[in-house]
Amino acid sequence: KNRLLALFLATGVLTVSQIPSAFAAGPYLGGPSIIGRHEPAVFNGGNYAPNSVVRMVVAYPDNTQHSQVLLVGNDGTLKYEVPLAVAGNYTLTVQDEKGKVLKSVIFAVTQ
């Protein structure tokens, strides 16, 4: 086993300095999967670039969208409350400043 690891390290396939980044967790976004229309729909996320600017995009069941710019905390976390309008399936997406999707979740709103 040690010889196999040494071979990988010697060939440059995976260096010791790359090991932490190879296993680093990506951004996450969590909140309710089903929520009542009159309840707060709060989503929390983490592992984003600290102090970066992201755009929160809400896709509503009627195919309209709402977006808002948000500053990520210095610890890489964010918190966002989705403005709810009608019952149905919603998609909340976190985008970077260039519009690249960092994370997306789907949740349902009931009457």
N, C-alpha and C. Protein backbone atom coordinates (compact mmCIF):
# COMPACT_ATOMS: atom_id res chain seq x y z
N LYS A 1 0.82 -1.19 0.00
CA LYS A 1 0.00 0.00 0.00
C LYS A 1 0.87 1.25 0.00
N ASN A 2 1.95 1.23 0.80
CA ASN A 2 2.83 2.38 0.85
C ASN A 2 3.51 2.63 -0.48
N ARG A 3 3.85 1.52 -1.20
CA ARG A 3 4.49 1.67 -2.50
C ARG A 3 3.54 2.29 -3.51
N LEU A 4 2.25 1.92 -3.44
CA LEU A 4 1.26 2.49 -4.34
C LEU A 4 1.11 3.98 -4.09
N LEU A 5 1.04 4.39 -2.82
CA LEU A 5 0.94 5.80 -2.47
C LEU A 5 2.19 6.54 -2.94
N ALA A 6 3.36 5.94 -2.73
CA ALA A 6 4.61 6.56 -3.17
C ALA A 6 4.63 6.72 -4.68
N LEU A 7 4.11 5.73 -5.40
CA LEU A 7 4.06 5.81 -6.86
C LEU A 7 3.15 6.96 -7.29
N PHE A 8 1.98 7.08 -6.66
CA PHE A 8 1.07 8.18 -6.99
C PHE A 8 1.72 9.53 -6.72
N LEU A 9 2.39 9.64 -5.57
CA LEU A 9 3.05 10.89 -5.23
C LEU A 9 4.20 11.19 -6.18
N ALA A 10 4.94 10.17 -6.55
CA ALA A 10 6.08 10.35 -7.44
C ALA A 10 5.65 10.75 -8.85
N THR A 11 4.53 10.23 -9.31
CA THR A 11 4.07 10.55 -10.67
C THR A 11 3.32 11.87 -10.73
N GLY A 12 3.04 12.44 -9.56
CA GLY A 12 2.36 13.73 -9.56
C GLY A 12 0.86 13.62 -9.75
N VAL A 13 0.32 12.41 -9.68
CA VAL A 13 -1.12 12.24 -9.84
C VAL A 13 -1.84 12.98 -8.72
N LEU A 14 -1.34 12.85 -7.51
CA LEU A 14 -1.94 13.54 -6.37
C LEU A 14 -0.82 13.87 -5.40
N THR A 15 -0.56 15.14 -5.22
CA THR A 15 0.49 15.53 -4.30
C THR A 15 -0.11 15.78 -2.92
N VAL A 16 0.73 15.78 -1.93
CA VAL A 16 0.26 16.01 -0.56
C VAL A 16 -0.44 17.36 -0.44
N SER A 17 0.07 18.37 -1.12
CA SER A 17 -0.55 19.69 -1.02
C SER A 17 -1.94 19.73 -1.67
N GLN A 18 -2.23 18.79 -2.56
CA GLN A 18 -3.54 18.75 -3.21
C GLN A 18 -4.56 17.94 -2.43
N ILE A 19 -4.12 17.14 -1.49
CA ILE A 19 -5.04 16.25 -0.78
C ILE A 19 -6.15 17.02 -0.08
N PRO A 20 -5.87 18.09 0.70
CA PRO A 20 -6.98 18.80 1.36
C PRO A 20 -7.98 19.36 0.37
N SER A 21 -7.52 19.94 -0.74
CA SER A 21 -8.46 20.52 -1.70
C SER A 21 -9.23 19.44 -2.46
N ALA A 22 -8.63 18.26 -2.61
CA ALA A 22 -9.33 17.19 -3.32
C ALA A 22 -10.53 16.69 -2.53
N PHE A 23 -10.46 16.83 -1.19
CA PHE A 23 -11.55 16.36 -0.35
C PHE A 23 -12.35 17.49 0.29
N ALA A 24 -12.09 18.72 -0.11
CA ALA A 24 -12.81 19.87 0.46
C ALA A 24 -14.28 19.81 0.05
N ALA A 25 -15.13 20.17 0.99
CA ALA A 25 -16.57 20.18 0.72
C ALA A 25 -16.93 21.39 -0.12
N GLY A 26 -17.87 21.21 -1.03
CA GLY A 26 -18.35 22.31 -1.85
C GLY A 26 -19.43 23.09 -1.11
N PRO A 27 -19.93 24.13 -1.75
CA PRO A 27 -20.98 24.93 -1.13
C PRO A 27 -22.24 24.09 -0.86
N TYR A 28 -22.94 24.44 0.21
CA TYR A 28 -24.20 23.77 0.49
C TYR A 28 -25.27 24.82 0.75
N LEU A 29 -26.52 24.41 0.61
CA LEU A 29 -27.67 25.27 0.84
C LEU A 29 -28.77 24.39 1.40
N GLY A 30 -29.27 24.74 2.57
CA GLY A 30 -30.28 23.91 3.22
C GLY A 30 -31.43 24.72 3.76
N GLY A 31 -32.58 24.10 3.75
CA GLY A 31 -33.80 24.72 4.26
C GLY A 31 -34.92 23.71 4.18
N PRO A 32 -36.14 24.18 4.34
CA PRO A 32 -37.28 23.25 4.31
C PRO A 32 -37.52 22.69 2.91
N SER A 33 -37.95 21.44 2.84
CA SER A 33 -38.29 20.87 1.53
C SER A 33 -39.77 21.10 1.22
N ILE A 34 -40.58 21.21 2.27
CA ILE A 34 -42.01 21.54 2.14
C ILE A 34 -42.33 22.56 3.22
N ILE A 35 -43.02 23.63 2.83
CA ILE A 35 -43.32 24.69 3.80
C ILE A 35 -44.68 25.31 3.48
N GLY A 36 -45.36 25.77 4.51
CA GLY A 36 -46.63 26.46 4.32
C GLY A 36 -46.40 27.87 3.78
N ARG A 37 -47.35 28.35 3.01
CA ARG A 37 -47.21 29.65 2.33
C ARG A 37 -47.04 30.80 3.31
N HIS A 38 -47.54 30.68 4.52
CA HIS A 38 -47.47 31.79 5.48
C HIS A 38 -46.35 31.61 6.51
N GLU A 39 -45.47 30.65 6.27
CA GLU A 39 -44.34 30.42 7.15
C GLU A 39 -43.08 31.04 6.53
N PRO A 40 -42.09 31.40 7.35
CA PRO A 40 -40.84 31.93 6.78
C PRO A 40 -40.03 30.81 6.13
N ALA A 41 -39.62 31.02 4.91
CA ALA A 41 -38.80 30.05 4.17
C ALA A 41 -37.35 30.49 4.25
N VAL A 42 -36.66 30.09 5.31
CA VAL A 42 -35.29 30.51 5.56
C VAL A 42 -34.32 29.41 5.13
N PHE A 43 -33.33 29.80 4.33
CA PHE A 43 -32.32 28.87 3.84
C PHE A 43 -30.95 29.35 4.33
N ASN A 44 -30.15 28.40 4.77
CA ASN A 44 -28.79 28.68 5.23
C ASN A 44 -27.80 27.92 4.36
N GLY A 45 -26.65 28.54 4.13
CA GLY A 45 -25.63 27.90 3.31
C GLY A 45 -24.26 28.10 3.90
N GLY A 46 -23.31 27.36 3.39
CA GLY A 46 -21.93 27.47 3.84
C GLY A 46 -20.95 26.98 2.80
N ASN A 47 -19.68 27.16 3.09
CA ASN A 47 -18.57 26.79 2.21
C ASN A 47 -18.53 27.63 0.94
N TYR A 48 -19.02 28.87 1.03
CA TYR A 48 -18.90 29.82 -0.09
C TYR A 48 -17.64 30.66 0.15
N ALA A 49 -17.16 31.33 -0.87
CA ALA A 49 -15.97 32.17 -0.71
C ALA A 49 -16.29 33.30 0.28
N PRO A 50 -15.52 33.40 1.36
CA PRO A 50 -15.79 34.44 2.36
C PRO A 50 -15.81 35.84 1.75
N ASN A 51 -16.76 36.64 2.21
CA ASN A 51 -16.91 38.04 1.79
C ASN A 51 -17.16 38.21 0.29
N SER A 52 -17.61 37.17 -0.38
CA SER A 52 -17.91 37.28 -1.81
C SER A 52 -19.35 37.74 -2.00
N VAL A 53 -19.65 38.18 -3.20
CA VAL A 53 -21.00 38.60 -3.55
C VAL A 53 -21.65 37.49 -4.36
N VAL A 54 -22.85 37.10 -3.95
CA VAL A 54 -23.62 36.10 -4.69
C VAL A 54 -24.98 36.67 -5.03
N ARG A 55 -25.62 36.07 -6.00
CA ARG A 55 -26.99 36.44 -6.36
C ARG A 55 -27.90 35.27 -6.02
N MET A 56 -28.93 35.57 -5.25
CA MET A 56 -29.94 34.57 -4.90
C MET A 56 -31.07 34.73 -5.91
N VAL A 57 -31.39 33.67 -6.64
CA VAL A 57 -32.43 33.71 -7.66
C VAL A 57 -33.54 32.75 -7.27
N VAL A 58 -34.75 33.27 -7.16
CA VAL A 58 -35.92 32.47 -6.84
C VAL A 58 -36.75 32.31 -8.11
N ALA A 59 -37.00 31.08 -8.51
CA ALA A 59 -37.90 30.79 -9.63
C ALA A 59 -39.23 30.35 -9.03
N TYR A 60 -40.28 31.12 -9.34
CA TYR A 60 -41.61 30.86 -8.80
C TYR A 60 -42.38 29.85 -9.66
N PRO A 61 -43.44 29.26 -9.09
CA PRO A 61 -44.24 28.28 -9.84
C PRO A 61 -44.86 28.84 -11.13
N ASP A 62 -45.08 30.17 -11.17
CA ASP A 62 -45.69 30.77 -12.36
C ASP A 62 -44.65 31.21 -13.39
N ASN A 63 -43.40 30.71 -13.24
CA ASN A 63 -42.28 30.97 -14.16
C ASN A 63 -41.72 32.39 -14.07
N THR A 64 -42.09 33.16 -13.06
CA THR A 64 -41.45 34.45 -12.83
C THR A 64 -40.25 34.24 -11.92
N GLN A 65 -39.38 35.24 -11.87
CA GLN A 65 -38.18 35.15 -11.03
C GLN A 65 -38.00 36.40 -10.20
N HIS A 66 -37.33 36.22 -9.09
CA HIS A 66 -36.92 37.33 -8.22
C HIS A 66 -35.46 37.09 -7.89
N SER A 67 -34.64 38.13 -7.92
CA SER A 67 -33.24 37.94 -7.54
C SER A 67 -32.79 39.07 -6.62
N GLN A 68 -31.80 38.75 -5.81
CA GLN A 68 -31.27 39.71 -4.85
C GLN A 68 -29.80 39.41 -4.64
N VAL A 69 -29.00 40.46 -4.57
CA VAL A 69 -27.57 40.32 -4.30
C VAL A 69 -27.38 40.19 -2.79
N LEU A 70 -26.45 39.31 -2.42
CA LEU A 70 -26.21 39.02 -1.01
C LEU A 70 -24.70 38.93 -0.78
N LEU A 71 -24.24 39.44 0.35
CA LEU A 71 -22.83 39.35 0.71
C LEU A 71 -22.64 38.14 1.62
N VAL A 72 -21.73 37.25 1.23
CA VAL A 72 -21.42 36.07 2.03
C VAL A 72 -20.63 36.53 3.25
N GLY A 73 -20.87 35.91 4.39
CA GLY A 73 -20.17 36.27 5.62
C GLY A 73 -18.69 35.94 5.55
N ASN A 74 -17.93 36.53 6.47
CA ASN A 74 -16.48 36.28 6.46
C ASN A 74 -16.14 34.85 6.86
N ASP A 75 -17.15 34.09 7.32
CA ASP A 75 -16.94 32.67 7.62
C ASP A 75 -17.45 31.76 6.50
N GLY A 76 -17.86 32.36 5.37
CA GLY A 76 -18.31 31.57 4.22
C GLY A 76 -19.76 31.15 4.28
N THR A 77 -20.53 31.71 5.22
CA THR A 77 -21.94 31.32 5.35
C THR A 77 -22.86 32.39 4.80
N LEU A 78 -24.10 31.98 4.52
CA LEU A 78 -25.13 32.91 4.09
C LEU A 78 -26.46 32.48 4.65
N LYS A 79 -27.39 33.44 4.71
CA LYS A 79 -28.75 33.18 5.17
C LYS A 79 -29.68 34.00 4.30
N TYR A 80 -30.75 33.36 3.81
CA TYR A 80 -31.67 34.06 2.91
C TYR A 80 -33.09 33.59 3.17
N GLU A 81 -34.01 34.54 3.26
CA GLU A 81 -35.42 34.21 3.40
C GLU A 81 -36.11 34.43 2.06
N VAL A 82 -36.68 33.37 1.53
CA VAL A 82 -37.34 33.42 0.22
C VAL A 82 -38.70 34.10 0.37
N PRO A 83 -38.96 35.12 -0.44
CA PRO A 83 -40.30 35.72 -0.43
C PRO A 83 -41.28 34.78 -1.13
N LEU A 84 -42.26 34.28 -0.40
CA LEU A 84 -43.22 33.33 -0.95
C LEU A 84 -44.44 34.08 -1.49
N ALA A 85 -44.99 33.56 -2.58
CA ALA A 85 -46.15 34.21 -3.19
C ALA A 85 -47.33 33.26 -3.32
N VAL A 86 -47.11 32.14 -3.95
CA VAL A 86 -48.19 31.19 -4.22
C VAL A 86 -47.73 29.78 -3.89
N ALA A 87 -48.67 28.85 -3.81
CA ALA A 87 -48.34 27.45 -3.60
C ALA A 87 -47.74 26.86 -4.88
N GLY A 88 -46.86 25.88 -4.71
CA GLY A 88 -46.24 25.20 -5.85
C GLY A 88 -44.77 24.94 -5.61
N ASN A 89 -44.08 24.53 -6.65
CA ASN A 89 -42.66 24.22 -6.56
C ASN A 89 -41.80 25.44 -6.87
N TYR A 90 -40.85 25.71 -6.01
CA TYR A 90 -39.92 26.83 -6.15
C TYR A 90 -38.51 26.27 -6.34
N THR A 91 -37.66 27.06 -6.99
CA THR A 91 -36.24 26.74 -7.08
C THR A 91 -35.46 27.94 -6.57
N LEU A 92 -34.54 27.69 -5.64
CA LEU A 92 -33.65 28.73 -5.13
C LEU A 92 -32.24 28.41 -5.61
N THR A 93 -31.63 29.37 -6.28
CA THR A 93 -30.30 29.16 -6.85
C THR A 93 -29.33 30.23 -6.35
N VAL A 94 -28.13 29.80 -6.01
CA VAL A 94 -27.05 30.71 -5.64
C VAL A 94 -26.11 30.80 -6.83
N GLN A 95 -25.87 32.03 -7.30
CA GLN A 95 -24.96 32.25 -8.43
C GLN A 95 -23.81 33.14 -7.99
N ASP A 96 -22.64 32.94 -8.61
CA ASP A 96 -21.53 33.84 -8.34
C ASP A 96 -21.70 35.12 -9.16
N GLU A 97 -20.75 36.03 -9.06
CA GLU A 97 -20.86 37.33 -9.74
C GLU A 97 -20.94 37.22 -11.26
N LYS A 98 -20.45 36.11 -11.80
CA LYS A 98 -20.48 35.91 -13.25
C LYS A 98 -21.69 35.13 -13.72
N GLY A 99 -22.57 34.75 -12.78
CA GLY A 99 -23.77 34.02 -13.13
C GLY A 99 -23.64 32.51 -13.08
N LYS A 100 -22.47 32.02 -12.67
CA LYS A 100 -22.27 30.57 -12.55
C LYS A 100 -23.08 30.05 -11.36
N VAL A 101 -23.79 28.95 -11.57
CA VAL A 101 -24.59 28.34 -10.50
C VAL A 101 -23.65 27.64 -9.53
N LEU A 102 -23.75 28.05 -8.25
CA LEU A 102 -22.94 27.44 -7.19
C LEU A 102 -23.72 26.35 -6.47
N LYS A 103 -25.02 26.56 -6.30
CA LYS A 103 -25.88 25.59 -5.63
C LYS A 103 -27.32 25.92 -5.96
N SER A 104 -28.17 24.88 -6.00
CA SER A 104 -29.57 25.07 -6.30
C SER A 104 -30.40 24.04 -5.54
N VAL A 105 -31.55 24.47 -5.02
CA VAL A 105 -32.45 23.55 -4.32
C VAL A 105 -33.88 23.80 -4.79
N ILE A 106 -34.67 22.75 -4.72
CA ILE A 106 -36.09 22.82 -5.07
C ILE A 106 -36.88 22.54 -3.81
N PHE A 107 -37.94 23.32 -3.58
CA PHE A 107 -38.80 23.08 -2.43
C PHE A 107 -40.24 23.39 -2.81
N ALA A 108 -41.15 22.83 -2.03
CA ALA A 108 -42.59 22.98 -2.31
C ALA A 108 -43.23 23.88 -1.27
N VAL A 109 -44.16 24.71 -1.73
CA VAL A 109 -44.93 25.59 -0.85
C VAL A 109 -46.38 25.14 -0.93
N THR A 110 -46.96 24.90 0.24
CA THR A 110 -48.36 24.46 0.31
C THR A 110 -49.24 25.64 0.74
N GLN A 111 -50.54 25.48 0.56
CA GLN A 111 -51.48 26.52 0.98
C GLN A 111 -51.39 26.65 2.45
